Amino acid sequence: MKTSKKVRIALTGILLLAILIVLVSLYPKASAVYRIKNYTPTEQEQEIYEHTLNRFLEDDELLICSQIEAVPCTIVSYKWSRTHGVFNSAVLIYRPGSPLKQGTIIELPQPQVNAMGKPGDIEDMHLSWDGLTLSYICRFDNKINQQGFPYPEEHPLGTYYYTTNLLTGETAERFVPEES
């Protein structure tokens, strides 16, 4: 079955329009990545970033779990100990040339899993294929706290899914309750 020339031209036009829409939607991210990668920081800007990063990496009270290099920032995951247990946290530390000022620190959100304010452990932290989105999860799956007392009923069991836009530092949360 042959298609008419007009139908082929119409289909080609639709395909080109779809490609154009995809390219236009990717342009802001691509241009931001290009600007960051090709940005030449001043000596002062680089010193601010390195000083902020080293504050975390050289802190004797922190155990660094991982350091992930993304285009706009460095992600540092760490553990720290307090009288009520070991806490697990992570921060974004922004580079020179990123949309957020160099040395900007953003703590990643986590659910509070006990009355003492202990954050849930960060698990399965990974970057998207383009290095601009960070995803991680925190699980709350135990109704008994470290002292052996049950948590209040209003604290539901389940998994918290987080997605962070590394260009803006904004994090979205999605909670999936545990099935009974």
N, C-alpha and C. Protein backbone atom coordinates (compact mmCIF):
# COMPACT_ATOMS: atom_id res chain seq x y z
N MET A 1 0.84 -1.18 0.00
CA MET A 1 0.00 0.00 0.00
C MET A 1 0.88 1.23 0.00
N LYS A 2 0.66 2.07 -0.99
CA LYS A 2 1.44 3.29 -1.11
C LYS A 2 0.73 4.43 -0.39
N THR A 3 1.55 5.27 0.25
CA THR A 3 0.97 6.45 0.87
C THR A 3 1.16 7.62 -0.08
N SER A 4 0.23 8.50 -0.03
CA SER A 4 0.31 9.64 -0.94
C SER A 4 1.41 10.58 -0.50
N LYS A 5 1.84 11.39 -1.40
CA LYS A 5 2.90 12.36 -1.14
C LYS A 5 2.47 13.35 -0.06
N LYS A 6 1.22 13.75 -0.07
CA LYS A 6 0.72 14.70 0.93
C LYS A 6 0.76 14.08 2.33
N VAL A 7 0.42 12.81 2.45
CA VAL A 7 0.45 12.13 3.76
C VAL A 7 1.88 12.03 4.26
N ARG A 8 2.83 11.68 3.38
CA ARG A 8 4.24 11.59 3.78
C ARG A 8 4.75 12.95 4.22
N ILE A 9 4.38 14.01 3.54
CA ILE A 9 4.81 15.37 3.91
C ILE A 9 4.22 15.74 5.28
N ALA A 10 2.96 15.39 5.49
CA ALA A 10 2.31 15.69 6.77
C ALA A 10 2.99 14.92 7.91
N LEU A 11 3.27 13.64 7.69
CA LEU A 11 3.94 12.83 8.72
C LEU A 11 5.35 13.35 9.01
N THR A 12 6.06 13.76 7.97
CA THR A 12 7.40 14.33 8.15
C THR A 12 7.32 15.63 8.95
N GLY A 13 6.33 16.44 8.67
CA GLY A 13 6.13 17.68 9.41
C GLY A 13 5.84 17.42 10.88
N ILE A 14 5.00 16.44 11.17
CA ILE A 14 4.67 16.08 12.55
C ILE A 14 5.92 15.58 13.27
N LEU A 15 6.71 14.74 12.60
CA LEU A 15 7.95 14.23 13.19
C LEU A 15 8.92 15.36 13.49
N LEU A 16 9.10 16.28 12.58
CA LEU A 16 10.00 17.41 12.80
C LEU A 16 9.51 18.30 13.94
N LEU A 17 8.21 18.49 14.05
CA LEU A 17 7.65 19.27 15.14
C LEU A 17 7.91 18.59 16.48
N ALA A 18 7.75 17.27 16.53
CA ALA A 18 8.00 16.52 17.77
C ALA A 18 9.47 16.63 18.17
N ILE A 19 10.37 16.52 17.21
CA ILE A 19 11.80 16.66 17.50
C ILE A 19 12.10 18.06 18.01
N LEU A 20 11.52 19.06 17.41
CA LEU A 20 11.73 20.44 17.84
C LEU A 20 11.24 20.66 19.26
N ILE A 21 10.08 20.11 19.60
CA ILE A 21 9.54 20.24 20.95
C ILE A 21 10.48 19.60 21.98
N VAL A 22 11.01 18.42 21.67
CA VAL A 22 11.95 17.74 22.58
C VAL A 22 13.22 18.58 22.74
N LEU A 23 13.76 19.08 21.64
CA LEU A 23 14.99 19.87 21.72
C LEU A 23 14.79 21.16 22.51
N VAL A 24 13.69 21.82 22.32
CA VAL A 24 13.41 23.06 23.05
C VAL A 24 13.27 22.77 24.54
N SER A 25 12.64 21.65 24.91
CA SER A 25 12.49 21.32 26.32
C SER A 25 13.82 20.96 26.97
N LEU A 26 14.77 20.43 26.20
CA LEU A 26 16.07 20.07 26.75
C LEU A 26 17.05 21.25 26.77
N TYR A 27 16.78 22.31 26.02
CA TYR A 27 17.72 23.42 25.89
C TYR A 27 18.10 24.07 27.22
N PRO A 28 17.17 24.40 28.13
CA PRO A 28 17.59 25.06 29.38
C PRO A 28 18.58 24.23 30.19
N LYS A 29 18.35 22.91 30.29
CA LYS A 29 19.30 22.07 31.02
C LYS A 29 20.63 21.99 30.30
N ALA A 30 20.58 21.80 28.99
CA ALA A 30 21.81 21.68 28.21
C ALA A 30 22.62 22.97 28.28
N SER A 31 21.96 24.10 28.21
CA SER A 31 22.70 25.37 28.25
C SER A 31 23.28 25.60 29.64
N ALA A 32 22.57 25.19 30.70
CA ALA A 32 23.09 25.33 32.07
C ALA A 32 24.32 24.44 32.26
N VAL A 33 24.26 23.21 31.78
CA VAL A 33 25.40 22.31 31.88
C VAL A 33 26.59 22.88 31.11
N TYR A 34 26.35 23.39 29.91
CA TYR A 34 27.42 23.98 29.11
C TYR A 34 28.07 25.15 29.85
N ARG A 35 27.23 26.02 30.44
CA ARG A 35 27.78 27.18 31.17
C ARG A 35 28.61 26.74 32.36
N ILE A 36 28.14 25.75 33.11
CA ILE A 36 28.87 25.29 34.29
C ILE A 36 30.19 24.64 33.88
N LYS A 37 30.14 23.74 32.90
CA LYS A 37 31.35 23.03 32.48
C LYS A 37 32.39 23.96 31.87
N ASN A 38 31.95 25.01 31.23
CA ASN A 38 32.88 25.92 30.57
C ASN A 38 33.16 27.19 31.37
N TYR A 39 32.69 27.24 32.60
CA TYR A 39 32.89 28.40 33.45
C TYR A 39 34.30 28.37 34.02
N THR A 40 34.99 29.49 33.96
CA THR A 40 36.31 29.61 34.56
C THR A 40 36.17 30.42 35.84
N PRO A 41 36.26 29.74 37.00
CA PRO A 41 36.06 30.45 38.26
C PRO A 41 37.25 31.34 38.61
N THR A 42 36.94 32.39 39.35
CA THR A 42 38.04 33.21 39.89
C THR A 42 38.71 32.40 40.99
N GLU A 43 39.88 32.82 41.38
CA GLU A 43 40.60 32.14 42.46
C GLU A 43 39.78 32.16 43.75
N GLN A 44 39.12 33.29 44.01
CA GLN A 44 38.31 33.41 45.22
C GLN A 44 37.10 32.47 45.18
N GLU A 45 36.44 32.38 44.03
CA GLU A 45 35.28 31.48 43.90
C GLU A 45 35.69 30.03 44.14
N GLN A 46 36.83 29.63 43.55
CA GLN A 46 37.31 28.26 43.73
C GLN A 46 37.69 27.99 45.18
N GLU A 47 38.31 28.96 45.84
CA GLU A 47 38.68 28.82 47.25
C GLU A 47 37.44 28.66 48.14
N ILE A 48 36.39 29.42 47.85
CA ILE A 48 35.16 29.33 48.64
C ILE A 48 34.57 27.91 48.52
N TYR A 49 34.49 27.42 47.29
CA TYR A 49 33.95 26.07 47.07
C TYR A 49 34.81 25.03 47.78
N GLU A 50 36.12 25.06 47.58
CA GLU A 50 37.01 24.07 48.17
C GLU A 50 36.99 24.14 49.70
N HIS A 51 36.94 25.34 50.25
CA HIS A 51 36.89 25.51 51.71
C HIS A 51 35.61 24.87 52.27
N THR A 52 34.49 25.14 51.62
CA THR A 52 33.21 24.58 52.07
C THR A 52 33.21 23.07 51.98
N LEU A 53 33.69 22.53 50.87
CA LEU A 53 33.75 21.08 50.68
C LEU A 53 34.68 20.45 51.72
N ASN A 54 35.84 21.03 51.92
CA ASN A 54 36.81 20.47 52.87
C ASN A 54 36.32 20.53 54.31
N ARG A 55 35.46 21.51 54.62
CA ARG A 55 34.87 21.57 55.96
C ARG A 55 34.15 20.27 56.29
N PHE A 56 33.47 19.70 55.31
CA PHE A 56 32.78 18.43 55.51
C PHE A 56 33.75 17.26 55.46
N LEU A 57 34.61 17.24 54.46
CA LEU A 57 35.48 16.09 54.26
C LEU A 57 36.50 15.92 55.39
N GLU A 58 36.90 17.00 56.03
CA GLU A 58 37.93 16.94 57.07
C GLU A 58 37.38 17.03 58.48
N ASP A 59 36.06 17.05 58.66
CA ASP A 59 35.45 17.14 59.98
C ASP A 59 35.64 15.80 60.71
N ASP A 60 36.31 15.83 61.86
CA ASP A 60 36.59 14.62 62.62
C ASP A 60 35.34 13.96 63.19
N GLU A 61 34.24 14.70 63.31
CA GLU A 61 33.01 14.15 63.88
C GLU A 61 32.14 13.45 62.83
N LEU A 62 32.53 13.55 61.56
CA LEU A 62 31.74 12.97 60.48
C LEU A 62 32.46 11.78 59.87
N LEU A 63 31.71 10.76 59.53
CA LEU A 63 32.24 9.64 58.76
C LEU A 63 31.66 9.78 57.35
N ILE A 64 32.52 10.11 56.39
CA ILE A 64 32.07 10.31 55.01
C ILE A 64 31.74 8.95 54.39
N CYS A 65 30.52 8.79 53.92
CA CYS A 65 30.07 7.54 53.30
C CYS A 65 30.31 7.55 51.80
N SER A 66 30.00 8.69 51.17
CA SER A 66 30.22 8.79 49.73
C SER A 66 30.35 10.25 49.33
N GLN A 67 31.03 10.44 48.23
CA GLN A 67 31.17 11.76 47.62
C GLN A 67 30.88 11.58 46.14
N ILE A 68 29.80 12.19 45.67
CA ILE A 68 29.37 12.04 44.28
C ILE A 68 29.57 13.38 43.58
N GLU A 69 30.30 13.36 42.47
CA GLU A 69 30.54 14.58 41.70
C GLU A 69 29.47 14.71 40.62
N ALA A 70 28.66 15.73 40.72
CA ALA A 70 27.65 16.05 39.70
C ALA A 70 28.10 17.34 39.01
N VAL A 71 27.45 17.72 37.94
CA VAL A 71 27.85 18.91 37.20
C VAL A 71 27.75 20.17 38.06
N PRO A 72 26.59 20.46 38.69
CA PRO A 72 26.48 21.71 39.43
C PRO A 72 27.01 21.67 40.87
N CYS A 73 27.19 20.46 41.42
CA CYS A 73 27.54 20.38 42.84
C CYS A 73 28.22 19.06 43.17
N THR A 74 28.73 19.01 44.40
CA THR A 74 29.25 17.76 44.96
C THR A 74 28.26 17.32 46.02
N ILE A 75 27.92 16.04 46.01
CA ILE A 75 27.00 15.47 46.99
C ILE A 75 27.83 14.69 47.99
N VAL A 76 27.71 15.05 49.26
CA VAL A 76 28.46 14.37 50.32
C VAL A 76 27.46 13.70 51.26
N SER A 77 27.58 12.38 51.37
CA SER A 77 26.77 11.60 52.28
C SER A 77 27.65 11.24 53.47
N TYR A 78 27.12 11.41 54.68
CA TYR A 78 27.95 11.19 55.87
C TYR A 78 27.12 10.69 57.04
N LYS A 79 27.82 10.14 58.04
CA LYS A 79 27.19 9.70 59.28
C LYS A 79 27.82 10.49 60.42
N TRP A 80 27.02 10.75 61.45
CA TRP A 80 27.52 11.42 62.64
C TRP A 80 26.82 10.82 63.84
N SER A 81 27.51 10.80 64.95
CA SER A 81 27.00 10.13 66.14
C SER A 81 26.56 11.14 67.19
N ARG A 82 25.44 10.84 67.83
CA ARG A 82 24.92 11.63 68.94
C ARG A 82 24.51 10.66 70.04
N THR A 83 24.13 11.17 71.18
CA THR A 83 23.77 10.30 72.30
C THR A 83 22.59 9.39 71.97
N HIS A 84 21.76 9.76 71.02
CA HIS A 84 20.58 8.97 70.67
C HIS A 84 20.78 8.13 69.41
N GLY A 85 22.02 7.89 69.03
CA GLY A 85 22.28 7.02 67.89
C GLY A 85 23.12 7.66 66.81
N VAL A 86 23.33 6.89 65.76
CA VAL A 86 24.09 7.34 64.60
C VAL A 86 23.12 7.90 63.58
N PHE A 87 23.40 9.10 63.12
CA PHE A 87 22.54 9.76 62.14
C PHE A 87 23.22 9.70 60.78
N ASN A 88 22.41 9.67 59.75
CA ASN A 88 22.88 9.61 58.37
C ASN A 88 22.30 10.82 57.65
N SER A 89 23.14 11.61 57.01
CA SER A 89 22.66 12.81 56.30
C SER A 89 23.44 12.99 55.00
N ALA A 90 23.01 13.95 54.22
CA ALA A 90 23.72 14.28 52.98
C ALA A 90 23.48 15.75 52.65
N VAL A 91 24.47 16.35 51.99
CA VAL A 91 24.38 17.76 51.59
C VAL A 91 24.81 17.91 50.14
N LEU A 92 24.34 19.00 49.54
CA LEU A 92 24.80 19.43 48.22
C LEU A 92 25.70 20.62 48.45
N ILE A 93 26.88 20.64 47.84
CA ILE A 93 27.79 21.77 47.94
C ILE A 93 28.04 22.26 46.52
N TYR A 94 27.61 23.49 46.24
CA TYR A 94 27.59 23.99 44.87
C TYR A 94 28.93 24.53 44.42
N ARG A 95 29.21 24.29 43.14
CA ARG A 95 30.46 24.69 42.48
C ARG A 95 30.35 26.12 41.92
N PRO A 96 31.50 26.72 41.63
CA PRO A 96 31.48 27.99 40.91
C PRO A 96 30.84 27.81 39.52
N GLY A 97 30.06 28.77 39.11
CA GLY A 97 29.41 28.72 37.80
C GLY A 97 28.06 28.05 37.82
N SER A 98 27.69 27.42 38.93
CA SER A 98 26.39 26.77 39.01
C SER A 98 25.31 27.84 39.21
N PRO A 99 24.04 27.49 38.95
CA PRO A 99 22.97 28.48 39.14
C PRO A 99 22.89 29.00 40.58
N LEU A 100 23.27 28.17 41.54
CA LEU A 100 23.33 28.62 42.93
C LEU A 100 24.79 29.02 43.21
N LYS A 101 24.99 29.96 44.08
CA LYS A 101 26.31 30.51 44.34
C LYS A 101 27.29 29.44 44.86
N GLN A 102 28.56 29.53 44.45
CA GLN A 102 29.56 28.57 44.90
C GLN A 102 29.62 28.55 46.43
N GLY A 103 29.76 27.35 46.96
CA GLY A 103 29.81 27.19 48.41
C GLY A 103 28.45 27.08 49.07
N THR A 104 27.38 27.26 48.30
CA THR A 104 26.03 27.10 48.87
C THR A 104 25.87 25.66 49.32
N ILE A 105 25.35 25.49 50.54
CA ILE A 105 25.12 24.15 51.09
C ILE A 105 23.61 23.96 51.24
N ILE A 106 23.13 22.84 50.72
CA ILE A 106 21.73 22.47 50.89
C ILE A 106 21.69 21.09 51.50
N GLU A 107 21.05 20.97 52.66
CA GLU A 107 20.87 19.67 53.30
C GLU A 107 19.71 18.95 52.62
N LEU A 108 19.91 17.70 52.31
CA LEU A 108 18.84 16.93 51.69
C LEU A 108 17.80 16.55 52.74
N PRO A 109 16.52 16.69 52.40
CA PRO A 109 15.46 16.36 53.37
C PRO A 109 15.37 14.85 53.62
N GLN A 110 15.00 14.53 54.84
CA GLN A 110 14.79 13.15 55.26
C GLN A 110 13.65 13.14 56.27
N PRO A 111 12.89 12.05 56.34
CA PRO A 111 11.83 11.99 57.35
C PRO A 111 12.42 11.78 58.74
N GLN A 112 11.77 12.31 59.73
CA GLN A 112 12.17 12.08 61.12
C GLN A 112 11.59 10.75 61.55
N VAL A 113 12.45 9.84 62.05
CA VAL A 113 11.96 8.50 62.37
C VAL A 113 11.87 8.20 63.86
N ASN A 114 12.21 9.18 64.70
CA ASN A 114 11.96 8.98 66.13
C ASN A 114 11.73 10.32 66.81
N ALA A 115 11.29 10.25 68.05
CA ALA A 115 10.95 11.46 68.80
C ALA A 115 12.17 12.34 69.08
N MET A 116 13.37 11.80 68.96
CA MET A 116 14.59 12.55 69.20
C MET A 116 15.05 13.30 67.95
N GLY A 117 14.33 13.16 66.86
CA GLY A 117 14.68 13.88 65.63
C GLY A 117 15.62 13.13 64.71
N LYS A 118 15.84 11.84 64.94
CA LYS A 118 16.74 11.07 64.08
C LYS A 118 16.16 10.98 62.67
N PRO A 119 16.96 11.40 61.69
CA PRO A 119 16.48 11.28 60.31
C PRO A 119 16.56 9.84 59.82
N GLY A 120 15.69 9.49 58.88
CA GLY A 120 15.73 8.17 58.27
C GLY A 120 17.00 7.99 57.47
N ASP A 121 17.50 6.77 57.41
CA ASP A 121 18.73 6.50 56.66
C ASP A 121 18.50 6.66 55.16
N ILE A 122 19.44 7.33 54.52
CA ILE A 122 19.39 7.51 53.07
C ILE A 122 19.88 6.23 52.42
N GLU A 123 19.10 5.74 51.46
CA GLU A 123 19.46 4.52 50.74
C GLU A 123 19.36 4.76 49.24
N ASP A 124 20.05 3.93 48.50
CA ASP A 124 19.92 3.88 47.03
C ASP A 124 20.07 5.27 46.40
N MET A 125 21.10 6.00 46.78
CA MET A 125 21.34 7.34 46.22
C MET A 125 22.02 7.18 44.85
N HIS A 126 21.42 7.80 43.83
CA HIS A 126 22.02 7.73 42.50
C HIS A 126 21.64 8.95 41.65
N LEU A 127 22.50 9.22 40.67
CA LEU A 127 22.28 10.33 39.74
C LEU A 127 21.56 9.85 38.50
N SER A 128 20.82 10.76 37.88
CA SER A 128 20.18 10.46 36.60
C SER A 128 21.26 10.38 35.52
N TRP A 129 20.88 9.93 34.34
CA TRP A 129 21.82 9.77 33.23
C TRP A 129 22.51 11.08 32.86
N ASP A 130 21.81 12.22 33.04
CA ASP A 130 22.40 13.51 32.67
C ASP A 130 23.13 14.18 33.83
N GLY A 131 23.11 13.56 35.01
CA GLY A 131 23.82 14.10 36.15
C GLY A 131 23.19 15.33 36.78
N LEU A 132 21.93 15.59 36.49
CA LEU A 132 21.27 16.79 37.00
C LEU A 132 20.15 16.50 37.99
N THR A 133 19.87 15.22 38.23
CA THR A 133 18.82 14.83 39.17
C THR A 133 19.37 13.76 40.10
N LEU A 134 19.15 13.96 41.39
CA LEU A 134 19.57 12.99 42.39
C LEU A 134 18.32 12.32 42.94
N SER A 135 18.35 11.00 43.05
CA SER A 135 17.24 10.26 43.63
C SER A 135 17.75 9.44 44.80
N TYR A 136 16.91 9.32 45.84
CA TYR A 136 17.25 8.48 46.98
C TYR A 136 15.97 8.13 47.72
N ILE A 137 16.07 7.16 48.61
CA ILE A 137 14.91 6.76 49.39
C ILE A 137 15.27 6.69 50.87
N CYS A 138 14.25 6.79 51.72
CA CYS A 138 14.35 6.58 53.17
C CYS A 138 13.18 5.69 53.54
N ARG A 139 13.45 4.64 54.30
CA ARG A 139 12.39 3.71 54.72
C ARG A 139 12.11 3.90 56.21
N PHE A 140 10.84 3.82 56.55
CA PHE A 140 10.43 3.78 57.95
C PHE A 140 9.58 2.53 58.08
N ASP A 141 10.22 1.45 58.59
CA ASP A 141 9.53 0.17 58.56
C ASP A 141 9.54 -0.56 59.90
N ASN A 142 9.77 0.19 60.99
CA ASN A 142 9.79 -0.44 62.30
C ASN A 142 9.00 0.43 63.28
N LYS A 143 7.98 -0.11 63.88
CA LYS A 143 7.14 0.65 64.80
C LYS A 143 7.74 0.72 66.22
N ILE A 144 8.87 0.07 66.46
CA ILE A 144 9.49 0.08 67.78
C ILE A 144 10.76 0.92 67.73
N ASN A 145 10.88 1.90 68.63
CA ASN A 145 12.07 2.74 68.63
C ASN A 145 13.23 2.05 69.36
N GLN A 146 14.38 2.71 69.40
CA GLN A 146 15.58 2.11 69.98
C GLN A 146 15.42 1.81 71.47
N GLN A 147 14.56 2.50 72.17
CA GLN A 147 14.35 2.26 73.59
C GLN A 147 13.30 1.18 73.83
N GLY A 148 12.76 0.58 72.78
CA GLY A 148 11.79 -0.50 72.91
C GLY A 148 10.35 -0.04 73.04
N PHE A 149 10.09 1.27 72.87
CA PHE A 149 8.72 1.79 72.97
C PHE A 149 8.15 1.99 71.57
N PRO A 150 6.86 1.77 71.40
CA PRO A 150 6.25 1.97 70.06
C PRO A 150 6.16 3.46 69.73
N TYR A 151 6.26 3.75 68.45
CA TYR A 151 6.06 5.11 67.97
C TYR A 151 4.57 5.41 67.96
N PRO A 152 4.22 6.69 67.97
CA PRO A 152 2.79 7.04 67.89
C PRO A 152 2.19 6.52 66.58
N GLU A 153 0.91 6.22 66.60
CA GLU A 153 0.22 5.68 65.43
C GLU A 153 0.22 6.63 64.24
N GLU A 154 0.33 7.95 64.50
CA GLU A 154 0.26 8.88 63.37
C GLU A 154 1.52 8.85 62.51
N HIS A 155 2.53 8.10 62.93
CA HIS A 155 3.75 7.99 62.14
C HIS A 155 3.64 6.74 61.28
N PRO A 156 3.18 6.88 60.03
CA PRO A 156 2.91 5.70 59.20
C PRO A 156 4.19 5.02 58.71
N LEU A 157 4.11 3.71 58.59
CA LEU A 157 5.21 2.93 58.03
C LEU A 157 5.17 3.06 56.51
N GLY A 158 6.34 3.08 55.90
CA GLY A 158 6.40 3.14 54.45
C GLY A 158 7.74 3.64 53.95
N THR A 159 7.77 3.99 52.68
CA THR A 159 8.99 4.43 52.02
C THR A 159 8.80 5.84 51.48
N TYR A 160 9.80 6.67 51.73
CA TYR A 160 9.82 8.03 51.22
C TYR A 160 10.77 8.06 50.02
N TYR A 161 10.26 8.52 48.88
CA TYR A 161 11.06 8.64 47.66
C TYR A 161 11.35 10.12 47.44
N TYR A 162 12.61 10.44 47.21
CA TYR A 162 13.02 11.83 47.01
C TYR A 162 13.69 11.99 45.66
N THR A 163 13.40 13.12 45.02
CA THR A 163 14.02 13.49 43.75
C THR A 163 14.47 14.94 43.87
N THR A 164 15.76 15.19 43.68
CA THR A 164 16.31 16.54 43.81
C THR A 164 16.80 17.04 42.47
N ASN A 165 16.31 18.23 42.08
CA ASN A 165 16.80 18.92 40.90
C ASN A 165 18.09 19.61 41.32
N LEU A 166 19.22 19.15 40.82
CA LEU A 166 20.51 19.70 41.26
C LEU A 166 20.78 21.10 40.73
N LEU A 167 20.09 21.53 39.70
CA LEU A 167 20.27 22.91 39.22
C LEU A 167 19.62 23.92 40.16
N THR A 168 18.50 23.53 40.78
CA THR A 168 17.77 24.45 41.66
C THR A 168 17.92 24.11 43.14
N GLY A 169 18.31 22.87 43.45
CA GLY A 169 18.40 22.43 44.83
C GLY A 169 17.07 22.05 45.43
N GLU A 170 16.00 22.04 44.64
CA GLU A 170 14.66 21.73 45.15
C GLU A 170 14.42 20.22 45.12
N THR A 171 13.80 19.73 46.20
CA THR A 171 13.55 18.30 46.33
C THR A 171 12.06 18.03 46.42
N ALA A 172 11.61 17.04 45.66
CA ALA A 172 10.22 16.59 45.72
C ALA A 172 10.18 15.28 46.51
N GLU A 173 9.13 15.12 47.32
CA GLU A 173 8.96 13.92 48.14
C GLU A 173 7.69 13.20 47.75
N ARG A 174 7.80 11.86 47.72
CA ARG A 174 6.62 11.02 47.48
C ARG A 174 6.63 9.91 48.53
N PHE A 175 5.54 9.77 49.26
CA PHE A 175 5.46 8.75 50.30
C PHE A 175 4.57 7.60 49.84
N VAL A 176 5.05 6.38 50.01
CA VAL A 176 4.27 5.19 49.70
C VAL A 176 4.12 4.40 50.99
N PRO A 177 2.89 4.35 51.54
CA PRO A 177 2.68 3.63 52.81
C PRO A 177 2.93 2.14 52.64
N GLU A 178 3.37 1.53 53.74
CA GLU A 178 3.59 0.09 53.75
C GLU A 178 2.22 -0.59 53.76
N GLU A 179 2.10 -1.63 52.95
CA GLU A 179 0.84 -2.37 52.91
C GLU A 179 0.73 -3.24 54.14
N SER A 180 -0.45 -3.28 54.74
CA SER A 180 -0.66 -4.09 55.95
C SER A 180 -0.90 -5.53 55.61
